[in-house]
Protein backbone atom coordinates (compact mmCIF):
# COMPACT_ATOMS: atom_id res chain seq x y z
CA MET A 1 -22.65 -24.24 -13.26
CA THR A 2 -19.52 -26.25 -12.43
CA LYS A 3 -18.96 -28.38 -9.34
CA GLN A 4 -15.52 -28.79 -7.81
CA ARG A 5 -14.90 -31.59 -5.30
CA TYR A 6 -11.98 -31.63 -2.86
CA SER A 7 -11.12 -34.15 -0.17
CA VAL A 8 -9.70 -32.79 3.08
CA LYS A 9 -9.12 -36.17 4.74
CA HIS A 10 -5.49 -36.57 3.73
CA THR A 11 -4.75 -33.15 2.31
CA PRO A 12 -1.09 -32.05 2.49
CA SER A 13 0.09 -28.64 3.63
CA PHE A 14 0.53 -25.90 1.05
CA PRO A 15 2.86 -22.89 1.30
CA PHE A 16 0.84 -19.76 1.88
CA GLU A 17 2.51 -16.61 3.21
CA ASN A 18 -0.50 -14.63 4.40
CA GLN A 19 0.88 -11.10 4.92
CA VAL A 20 -2.52 -9.44 4.62
CA ASP A 21 -2.00 -7.24 7.70
CA PHE A 22 1.63 -6.19 7.12
CA CYS A 23 1.04 -2.73 5.63
CA VAL A 24 -1.65 -0.50 4.16
CA GLY A 25 -1.46 2.67 2.09
CA SER A 26 -2.81 6.11 2.84
CA GLY A 27 -3.43 9.49 1.38
CA ARG A 28 -0.61 11.96 2.02
CA LEU A 29 0.68 11.97 5.57
CA GLY A 30 -0.66 15.45 6.33
CA LEU A 31 -4.22 14.12 6.09
CA ALA A 32 -3.60 12.38 9.41
CA LEU A 33 -4.30 15.77 10.97
CA GLN A 34 -7.96 15.37 9.94
CA LYS A 35 -10.52 13.72 12.21
CA GLU A 36 -12.24 11.60 9.55
CA TYR A 37 -8.90 10.19 8.39
CA LEU A 38 -8.20 8.97 11.91
CA ASP A 39 -11.78 7.70 12.29
CA GLU A 40 -11.39 5.56 9.16
CA LEU A 41 -7.98 4.30 10.26
CA ARG A 42 -9.32 3.45 13.71
CA PHE A 43 -12.16 1.47 12.11
CA VAL A 44 -9.72 -0.47 9.93
CA GLN A 45 -7.41 -1.15 12.87
CA GLU A 46 -10.26 -2.48 14.99
CA HIS A 47 -11.12 -5.08 12.35
CA ILE A 48 -7.87 -5.88 10.50
CA HIS A 49 -5.03 -4.31 12.53
CA PHE A 50 -2.26 -3.50 10.09
CA LYS A 51 1.33 -3.29 11.36
CA TYR A 52 2.53 -0.46 9.09
CA LEU A 53 1.09 2.49 7.18
CA ARG A 54 2.73 4.03 4.11
CA ALA A 55 1.93 7.54 2.88
CA HIS A 56 3.34 10.20 0.56
CA GLY A 57 4.38 13.65 1.65
CA LEU A 58 6.59 13.30 4.71
CA PHE A 59 8.58 16.37 3.65
CA CYS A 60 5.83 18.31 1.91
CA ASP A 61 5.17 21.80 3.17
CA ASP A 62 1.85 21.03 4.86
CA ILE A 63 3.83 19.16 7.56
CA ALA A 64 6.31 22.06 7.63
CA ILE A 65 9.42 20.22 8.78
CA PHE A 66 11.92 22.16 6.64
CA ASN A 67 12.01 25.93 7.09
CA VAL A 68 14.40 28.67 5.95
CA TYR A 69 14.71 32.20 7.26
CA GLU A 70 17.20 35.08 7.30
CA ASP A 71 18.80 36.03 10.58
CA ALA A 72 19.51 39.58 11.74
CA GLU A 73 22.66 39.65 9.65
CA GLY A 74 20.84 38.56 6.50
CA LYS A 75 22.31 35.07 6.53
CA ARG A 76 20.28 32.05 5.41
CA GLN A 77 19.37 29.83 8.33
CA ILE A 78 17.67 26.41 8.35
CA GLU A 79 15.20 25.39 11.03
CA TYR A 80 13.40 22.07 11.52
CA ASN A 81 9.88 22.04 12.92
CA PHE A 82 8.52 18.68 14.09
CA THR A 83 5.26 19.89 15.64
CA TYR A 84 2.95 18.31 13.07
CA LEU A 85 5.16 15.25 12.58
CA ASP A 86 4.92 14.50 16.30
CA ARG A 87 1.16 14.98 16.28
CA ILE A 88 0.81 12.57 13.35
CA MET A 89 3.16 9.93 14.73
CA ASP A 90 1.51 10.08 18.16
CA ALA A 91 -1.86 9.47 16.52
CA LEU A 92 -0.57 6.50 14.50
CA LEU A 93 1.10 4.86 17.47
CA GLU A 94 -2.04 5.36 19.54
CA LEU A 95 -3.79 3.22 16.92
CA ASP A 96 -0.95 0.66 17.14
CA ILE A 97 0.30 1.19 13.60
CA ARG A 98 3.85 2.19 12.65
CA PRO A 99 4.97 4.22 9.65
CA PHE A 100 6.54 2.64 6.60
CA LEU A 101 8.50 5.81 5.93
CA GLU A 102 8.43 6.98 2.33
CA ILE A 103 11.12 9.64 1.90
CA GLY A 104 9.59 12.45 -0.17
CA PHE A 105 8.56 14.76 -1.64
CA MET A 106 10.87 17.77 -1.86
CA PRO A 107 10.34 20.78 0.45
CA GLU A 108 9.67 23.81 -1.75
CA LYS A 109 12.55 25.81 -0.29
CA MET A 110 14.97 22.96 -0.98
CA ALA A 111 13.70 22.05 -4.44
CA SER A 112 15.72 22.66 -7.60
CA GLY A 113 12.58 23.22 -9.71
CA GLU A 114 8.88 23.98 -9.65
CA GLN A 115 7.42 20.71 -10.97
CA THR A 116 4.66 19.40 -8.71
CA ILE A 117 2.13 16.60 -8.75
CA PHE A 118 -1.46 16.29 -7.55
CA TYR A 119 -3.99 18.70 -6.16
CA TRP A 120 -1.80 19.23 -3.11
CA LYS A 121 1.30 20.09 -5.21
CA GLY A 122 3.99 17.73 -4.00
CA ASN A 123 7.30 18.92 -5.45
CA THR A 124 8.98 16.18 -7.50
CA THR A 125 12.32 17.71 -8.38
CA PRO A 126 15.76 16.89 -6.93
CA PRO A 127 17.23 18.98 -4.12
CA LYS A 128 19.33 21.93 -5.16
CA ASP A 129 21.72 21.06 -2.33
CA TYR A 130 22.20 17.36 -1.58
CA GLN A 131 23.97 18.10 1.70
CA GLU A 132 20.88 19.93 2.96
CA TRP A 133 18.82 16.90 1.91
CA ALA A 134 21.11 14.55 3.83
CA ASP A 135 20.99 16.83 6.87
CA LEU A 136 17.18 16.87 6.72
CA LEU A 137 17.03 13.07 6.73
CA GLN A 138 19.40 12.79 9.65
CA ALA A 139 17.67 15.48 11.66
CA THR A 140 14.24 13.94 11.14
CA LEU A 141 15.29 10.39 11.97
CA SER A 142 17.30 11.56 14.98
CA HIS A 143 14.22 13.35 16.27
CA LEU A 144 12.05 10.26 15.79
CA VAL A 145 14.52 8.06 17.67
CA THR A 146 14.75 10.59 20.49
CA ARG A 147 10.96 10.74 20.78
CA TYR A 148 9.97 7.11 20.13
CA GLY A 149 13.05 5.09 21.01
CA GLU A 150 14.90 2.27 19.31
CA GLU A 151 11.78 0.82 17.69
CA VAL A 152 12.28 3.48 14.99
CA TYR A 153 15.15 1.36 13.66
CA THR A 154 12.55 -1.26 12.67
CA TRP A 155 10.43 1.20 10.64
CA PRO A 156 11.18 0.51 6.96
CA ILE A 157 12.46 3.50 4.97
CA GLU A 158 11.76 3.73 1.23
CA VAL A 159 13.56 6.36 -0.82
CA TRP A 160 11.06 8.30 -2.96
CA ASN A 161 8.01 7.12 -4.91
CA GLU A 162 7.85 5.89 -8.53
CA PRO A 163 10.94 7.69 -9.85
CA ASN A 164 10.53 5.87 -13.17
CA LEU A 165 7.47 8.05 -13.89
CA PRO A 166 8.24 11.65 -14.98
CA GLY A 167 5.38 13.04 -12.93
CA PHE A 168 6.86 11.70 -9.70
CA TRP A 169 10.53 12.44 -10.51
CA LYS A 170 11.52 15.14 -12.97
CA ASP A 171 12.16 13.61 -16.40
CA ALA A 172 12.22 10.16 -14.76
CA ASP A 173 15.97 10.80 -14.61
CA LYS A 174 17.44 7.46 -13.58
CA GLU A 175 20.96 8.68 -12.85
CA GLU A 176 19.64 11.56 -10.74
CA TYR A 177 17.47 9.14 -8.75
CA PHE A 178 20.44 6.88 -8.16
CA LYS A 179 22.31 9.90 -6.81
CA LEU A 180 19.38 10.71 -4.52
CA PHE A 181 19.25 7.11 -3.36
CA LYS A 182 22.97 6.90 -2.64
CA VAL A 183 23.06 10.18 -0.72
CA SER A 184 19.94 9.18 1.23
CA PHE A 185 21.14 5.64 1.96
CA ASN A 186 24.56 6.77 3.14
CA ALA A 187 23.16 9.60 5.28
CA ILE A 188 20.71 7.27 7.01
CA LYS A 189 23.21 4.46 7.56
CA GLU A 190 25.82 6.94 8.77
CA LEU A 191 23.37 8.02 11.44
CA ASP A 192 22.80 4.40 12.48
CA ALA A 193 23.32 1.21 10.48
CA ARG A 194 20.28 -0.36 12.12
CA PHE A 195 17.88 1.69 10.01
CA GLN A 196 16.22 -0.43 7.29
CA VAL A 197 16.50 1.26 3.87
CA GLY A 198 15.39 0.20 0.38
CA GLY A 199 13.95 1.17 -2.99
CA PRO A 200 13.46 1.86 -5.87
CA ALA A 201 9.64 2.07 -5.44
CA ILE A 202 9.06 1.73 -9.18
CA CYS A 203 5.77 1.23 -10.99
CA GLY A 204 5.09 -0.42 -14.32
CA VAL A 205 6.95 1.70 -16.89
CA ASP A 206 10.26 0.27 -18.11
CA ASP A 207 10.31 -1.48 -14.76
CA GLU A 208 12.52 -4.41 -15.74
CA ASN A 209 15.34 -2.12 -16.86
CA TRP A 210 14.90 0.09 -13.82
CA MET A 211 15.02 -2.88 -11.45
CA ARG A 212 18.14 -4.36 -13.01
CA ASP A 213 19.91 -0.99 -13.27
CA PHE A 214 19.04 -0.19 -9.65
CA LEU A 215 20.47 -3.48 -8.41
CA ASN A 216 23.56 -3.00 -10.58
CA PHE A 217 24.03 0.44 -9.07
CA CYS A 218 23.65 -0.81 -5.50
CA ARG A 219 26.11 -3.64 -6.19
CA ASP A 220 28.68 -1.39 -7.84
CA GLU A 221 28.40 1.28 -5.14
CA ASP A 222 28.46 -1.32 -2.36
CA LEU A 223 25.06 -0.23 -0.98
CA ALA A 224 23.84 -3.10 1.18
CA ILE A 225 20.13 -2.40 0.82
CA ASP A 226 17.79 -4.08 3.29
CA PHE A 227 14.87 -4.72 0.94
CA VAL A 228 13.54 -4.02 -2.55
CA THR A 229 10.29 -2.19 -3.31
CA ARG A 230 7.98 -1.83 -6.26
CA HIS A 231 4.30 -1.22 -7.01
CA HIS A 232 1.68 -3.37 -8.70
CA TYR A 233 -1.47 -2.21 -10.48
CA THR A 234 -3.43 -4.52 -12.74
CA SER A 235 -5.27 -2.31 -15.21
CA GLU A 236 -4.76 -0.76 -18.61
CA LEU A 237 -4.82 2.99 -19.24
CA PRO A 238 -8.14 4.39 -17.98
CA GLU A 239 -10.81 6.07 -20.06
CA THR A 240 -12.30 9.11 -18.34
CA ASP A 241 -15.89 10.30 -18.59
CA GLY A 242 -16.88 13.17 -16.32
CA HIS A 243 -15.88 12.53 -12.72
CA TYR A 244 -15.08 8.86 -13.29
CA SER A 245 -12.42 6.69 -14.92
CA TYR A 246 -13.13 3.27 -16.41
CA VAL A 247 -10.51 0.56 -16.64
CA LYS A 248 -9.94 -2.87 -18.11
CA LEU A 249 -8.20 -5.26 -15.73
CA HIS A 250 -5.44 -7.67 -16.66
CA ALA A 251 -6.40 -11.31 -17.11
CA LEU A 252 -6.23 -13.33 -13.90
CA ASP A 253 -3.74 -15.83 -15.30
CA GLY A 254 -1.20 -13.09 -16.06
CA ASN A 255 -1.79 -10.53 -13.34
CA MET A 256 1.35 -11.41 -11.35
CA TYR A 257 3.87 -11.23 -14.20
CA PRO A 258 5.62 -7.99 -13.06
CA ILE A 259 6.10 -9.39 -9.54
CA LYS A 260 7.39 -12.70 -10.87
CA ARG A 261 9.77 -10.92 -13.22
CA SER A 262 11.12 -8.61 -10.50
CA ARG A 263 11.81 -11.61 -8.28
CA GLU A 264 13.59 -13.37 -11.15
CA ILE A 265 15.82 -10.32 -11.65
CA MET A 266 16.64 -10.25 -7.94
CA GLN A 267 17.64 -13.91 -8.13
CA GLU A 268 20.44 -12.95 -10.53
CA TYR A 269 22.28 -11.15 -7.69
CA PRO A 270 23.73 -13.28 -4.86
CA GLN A 271 23.69 -10.34 -2.45
CA PHE A 272 20.05 -9.41 -3.18
CA LYS A 273 18.29 -12.66 -4.08
CA ASP A 274 17.06 -13.42 -0.56
CA LEU A 275 15.85 -9.94 0.28
CA THR A 276 12.19 -9.26 0.94
CA MET A 277 10.37 -7.49 -1.85
CA HIS A 278 7.81 -5.05 -0.44
CA ILE A 279 4.90 -4.30 -2.79
CA THR A 280 4.39 -0.89 -1.22
CA GLU A 281 1.37 -0.10 -3.38
CA PHE A 282 -1.12 -2.37 -5.10
CA ASN A 283 -4.68 -2.14 -6.31
CA THR A 284 -6.64 -2.85 -9.45
CA SER A 285 -6.68 0.65 -10.97
CA TYR A 286 -4.10 3.36 -10.24
CA VAL A 287 -6.48 6.34 -10.40
CA PRO A 288 -8.60 7.50 -7.42
CA ASN A 289 -11.82 7.94 -9.40
CA ALA A 290 -12.25 4.43 -10.85
CA GLY A 291 -15.70 3.11 -10.08
CA ILE A 292 -14.39 -0.45 -9.94
CA HIS A 293 -12.80 0.24 -6.54
CA ASP A 294 -16.25 0.45 -4.94
CA THR A 295 -17.53 -2.87 -6.35
CA ASN A 296 -17.73 -6.47 -5.24
CA TYR A 297 -15.86 -7.41 -8.44
CA ASN A 298 -12.88 -5.48 -7.08
CA ALA A 299 -13.15 -7.51 -3.87
CA ALA A 300 -13.01 -10.80 -5.77
CA TYR A 301 -10.12 -9.69 -7.97
CA VAL A 302 -8.12 -8.48 -4.94
CA ALA A 303 -8.72 -11.84 -3.24
CA ASP A 304 -7.00 -13.47 -6.21
CA LEU A 305 -4.02 -11.13 -5.72
CA LEU A 306 -3.80 -11.75 -1.97
CA ALA A 307 -3.72 -15.48 -2.59
CA LYS A 308 -0.81 -15.14 -5.03
CA PHE A 309 1.49 -12.53 -3.47
CA GLY A 310 3.05 -14.88 -0.95
CA GLN A 311 4.60 -17.04 -3.67
CA TYR A 312 7.28 -14.45 -4.38
CA GLN A 313 8.71 -13.64 -0.91
CA THR A 314 6.78 -10.43 -0.71
CA THR A 315 4.84 -8.24 1.62
CA TYR A 316 2.10 -6.09 0.14
CA SER A 317 0.30 -2.87 0.93
CA TYR A 318 -3.16 -2.08 -0.44
CA TRP A 319 -3.54 1.46 -1.76
CA THR A 320 -5.44 2.67 0.38
CA PHE A 321 -7.25 2.05 3.68
CA GLY A 322 -9.72 4.95 3.34
CA ASP A 323 -11.28 7.51 1.02
CA VAL A 324 -9.88 10.60 2.78
CA PHE A 325 -7.63 11.20 -0.20
CA GLU A 326 -6.95 14.23 -2.40
CA GLU A 327 -4.72 13.42 -5.39
CA PHE A 328 -7.36 14.60 -7.88
CA GLY A 329 -8.92 17.02 -5.41
CA VAL A 330 -11.37 16.72 -2.55
CA PRO A 331 -13.71 13.75 -3.27
CA HIS A 332 -16.96 14.94 -4.77
CA ALA A 333 -19.43 12.28 -3.57
CA GLN A 334 -19.99 9.50 -1.06
CA PHE A 335 -18.97 6.85 -3.60
CA HIS A 336 -16.58 8.32 -6.15
CA GLY A 337 -14.31 5.42 -7.12
CA GLY A 338 -11.77 6.17 -4.40
CA PHE A 339 -8.94 3.81 -3.58
CA GLY A 340 -10.07 3.22 -0.02
CA MET A 341 -11.38 -0.07 1.35
CA VAL A 342 -13.51 2.15 3.61
CA ALA A 343 -15.75 4.90 2.23
CA HIS A 344 -16.65 8.14 3.98
CA HIS A 345 -18.60 7.74 7.24
CA ASN A 346 -16.72 4.48 7.95
CA ILE A 347 -18.77 2.49 5.45
CA PRO A 348 -16.83 -0.66 4.52
CA LYS A 349 -16.69 -1.44 0.80
CA PRO A 350 -16.63 -5.04 -0.47
CA THR A 351 -12.81 -5.04 -0.65
CA PHE A 352 -12.68 -4.33 3.09
CA TRP A 353 -14.27 -7.72 3.65
CA THR A 354 -11.70 -9.41 1.43
CA PHE A 355 -9.02 -8.20 3.83
CA LYS A 356 -11.09 -9.13 6.88
CA PHE A 357 -11.66 -12.65 5.55
CA PHE A 358 -7.96 -13.19 4.82
CA LYS A 359 -7.09 -11.80 8.25
CA ASP A 360 -9.47 -14.32 9.83
CA ILE A 361 -7.63 -17.29 8.28
CA GLN A 362 -4.16 -16.20 9.40
CA ASP A 363 -4.14 -18.57 12.36
CA GLY A 364 -4.41 -21.75 10.28
CA GLN A 365 -2.25 -24.13 8.28
CA CYS A 366 -3.06 -24.00 4.57
CA ILE A 367 -4.26 -27.44 3.45
CA LEU A 368 -5.79 -26.50 0.11
CA ARG A 369 -5.29 -23.77 -2.44
CA THR A 370 -6.92 -23.60 -5.84
CA GLU A 371 -7.45 -20.91 -8.45
CA ASN A 372 -10.36 -19.52 -6.43
CA MET A 373 -10.04 -20.83 -2.87
CA ILE A 374 -7.77 -20.91 0.18
CA LEU A 375 -8.60 -23.42 2.94
CA VAL A 376 -6.78 -23.60 6.28
CA LYS A 377 -7.12 -25.89 9.31
CA THR A 378 -6.86 -24.77 12.91
CA ASP A 379 -7.07 -26.89 16.07
CA ASN A 380 -10.85 -27.05 15.95
CA ALA A 381 -12.03 -25.58 12.65
CA TYR A 382 -11.63 -25.30 8.93
CA LYS A 383 -11.61 -21.76 7.58
CA GLY A 384 -11.53 -20.64 4.01
CA VAL A 385 -11.93 -17.81 1.56
CA LEU A 386 -13.59 -18.40 -1.81
CA TRP A 387 -13.84 -15.84 -4.56
CA ASN A 388 -15.36 -15.76 -8.00
CA PRO A 389 -14.44 -12.83 -10.25
CA THR A 390 -16.04 -14.46 -13.29
CA ASP A 391 -19.65 -14.86 -14.36
CA GLU A 392 -19.41 -18.64 -14.09
CA LYS A 393 -21.38 -20.15 -11.20
CA LYS A 394 -19.33 -22.56 -9.11
CA THR A 395 -20.15 -24.97 -6.32
CA ILE A 396 -17.38 -26.11 -3.97
CA LEU A 397 -17.84 -29.51 -2.27
CA LEU A 398 -15.48 -30.45 0.57
CA GLU A 399 -15.58 -34.19 1.16
CA ASP A 400 -14.56 -36.46 4.07
CA ILE A 401 -15.14 -33.82 6.76
CA SER A 402 -17.90 -35.98 8.24
CA GLU A 403 -15.36 -38.72 9.03
CA ILE A 404 -13.32 -36.31 11.15
CA GLY A 405 -16.10 -35.04 13.38
CA GLU A 406 -19.26 -32.96 13.55
CA TYR A 407 -19.09 -29.40 12.27
CA SER A 408 -21.38 -26.43 11.98
CA LEU A 409 -21.16 -24.21 8.92
CA VAL A 410 -20.84 -20.43 9.27
CA GLU A 411 -20.89 -18.57 5.95
CA LYS A 412 -20.17 -14.90 5.33
CA SER A 413 -20.87 -13.59 1.84
CA VAL A 414 -20.15 -10.48 -0.15
CA ASP A 415 -22.12 -10.28 -3.37
CA GLU A 416 -24.69 -8.13 -5.14
CA GLU A 417 -27.04 -8.26 -2.12
CA HIS A 418 -24.62 -8.56 0.81
CA GLY A 419 -21.85 -6.22 1.90
CA ASN A 420 -22.50 -4.00 -1.10
CA PRO A 421 -23.10 -0.39 0.02
CA LEU A 422 -22.64 0.89 -3.53
CA LYS A 423 -25.90 -0.82 -4.53
CA VAL A 424 -27.70 0.71 -1.56
CA TRP A 425 -26.36 4.11 -2.56
CA HIS A 426 -27.64 3.59 -6.11
CA ASP A 427 -31.02 2.47 -4.78
CA VAL A 428 -31.48 5.61 -2.67
CA GLY A 429 -30.68 7.94 -5.54
CA GLU A 430 -26.88 8.38 -5.32
CA LYS A 431 -26.99 11.31 -2.93
CA LYS A 432 -23.66 13.14 -3.08
CA TYR A 433 -23.77 13.96 0.63
CA ILE A 434 -25.49 11.74 3.17
CA ARG A 435 -26.52 12.64 6.70
CA GLN A 436 -25.37 10.86 9.80
CA ASP A 437 -28.91 9.59 10.46
CA GLU A 438 -28.95 7.92 7.04
CA ILE A 439 -25.98 5.69 7.83
CA GLY A 440 -26.96 2.25 9.00
């Protein structure tokens, strides 16, 4: 066991951009039509209260915005249907969360090919007619402004998702994505320059080249993007056994390298160096059946990430808030390694408490940060979050507090015995389906 001593008597302030509640990820947007999805989101909002929600599938056919039919003369006609979009947006706004609009995937009747991804078959090919794509963007955003007012101009708009991966964008065709981005950017800004638009929403494959080439393209085409986006997962390729995937996580001392490198590349461009970088997806593993997501180790590792993100002028969005999620199909059991910080039946996983703890220290000035602790001071209290993703036992001693005044100590813990519903589930026999009267 190691003991670490810190004095708080004359501790200076430390920079700490705590953006824990800026944005959170979600299963595809159409899932917001399901009751349990909204129940989980309501639970998360009551305790953490995120500002934005990001989801795939805005233009997928389950929301049914883009429709084509033949008129009486046999001519092709386009019709937009915003019935489900309105229902979804009304539900989000009722929970006081705004969309971080991800533009994708391709409506089947607009798509140039048949390539799809996931159980729900999101089409990931370019449009066969870019003018129809531009018209779709303008029609949808115009409708949102008409229905919800000028606040829509503050909703961030991200063009596509992970185009550097061939599953998400046919052949990972960089030049075709740049064309999509330019057409999308110009269509949106033509409608109203106040819309906030960015990209390229890349993940960790050839990401340095993609980031630099994207910024070169935006510079050369005079596209004044409003922000830059990328994703951040911290695991190696998974090994799958049955329903579950098993992953090895990156070492703690190197787990921010892609973010650091992306920021360094942005610094090379005078017109882009001060832009916000939105980490529009992050988690440990990038597959929705990784058992680590349900563990208290995940909670400790994510705490390390939350403590580091603010060093690189970033916001960040955990993927995802809940386990109503269907990329690999409908979840097969109560605990199945899903991305969510909340499991089915509104059962908070350990990582939920990581976010709650960081939310609870947002009102303080950071006076101490170490490799495993953040401490802030408010008008009448010290608040902190400590995490330990290693097997080493540590004791933290804060000295000189007694000279400042009398304090009571309130401790909230997540460990093997506390805040660990996965262990309870194991102990009761890992029932795939639990009854409402068994939730407690």
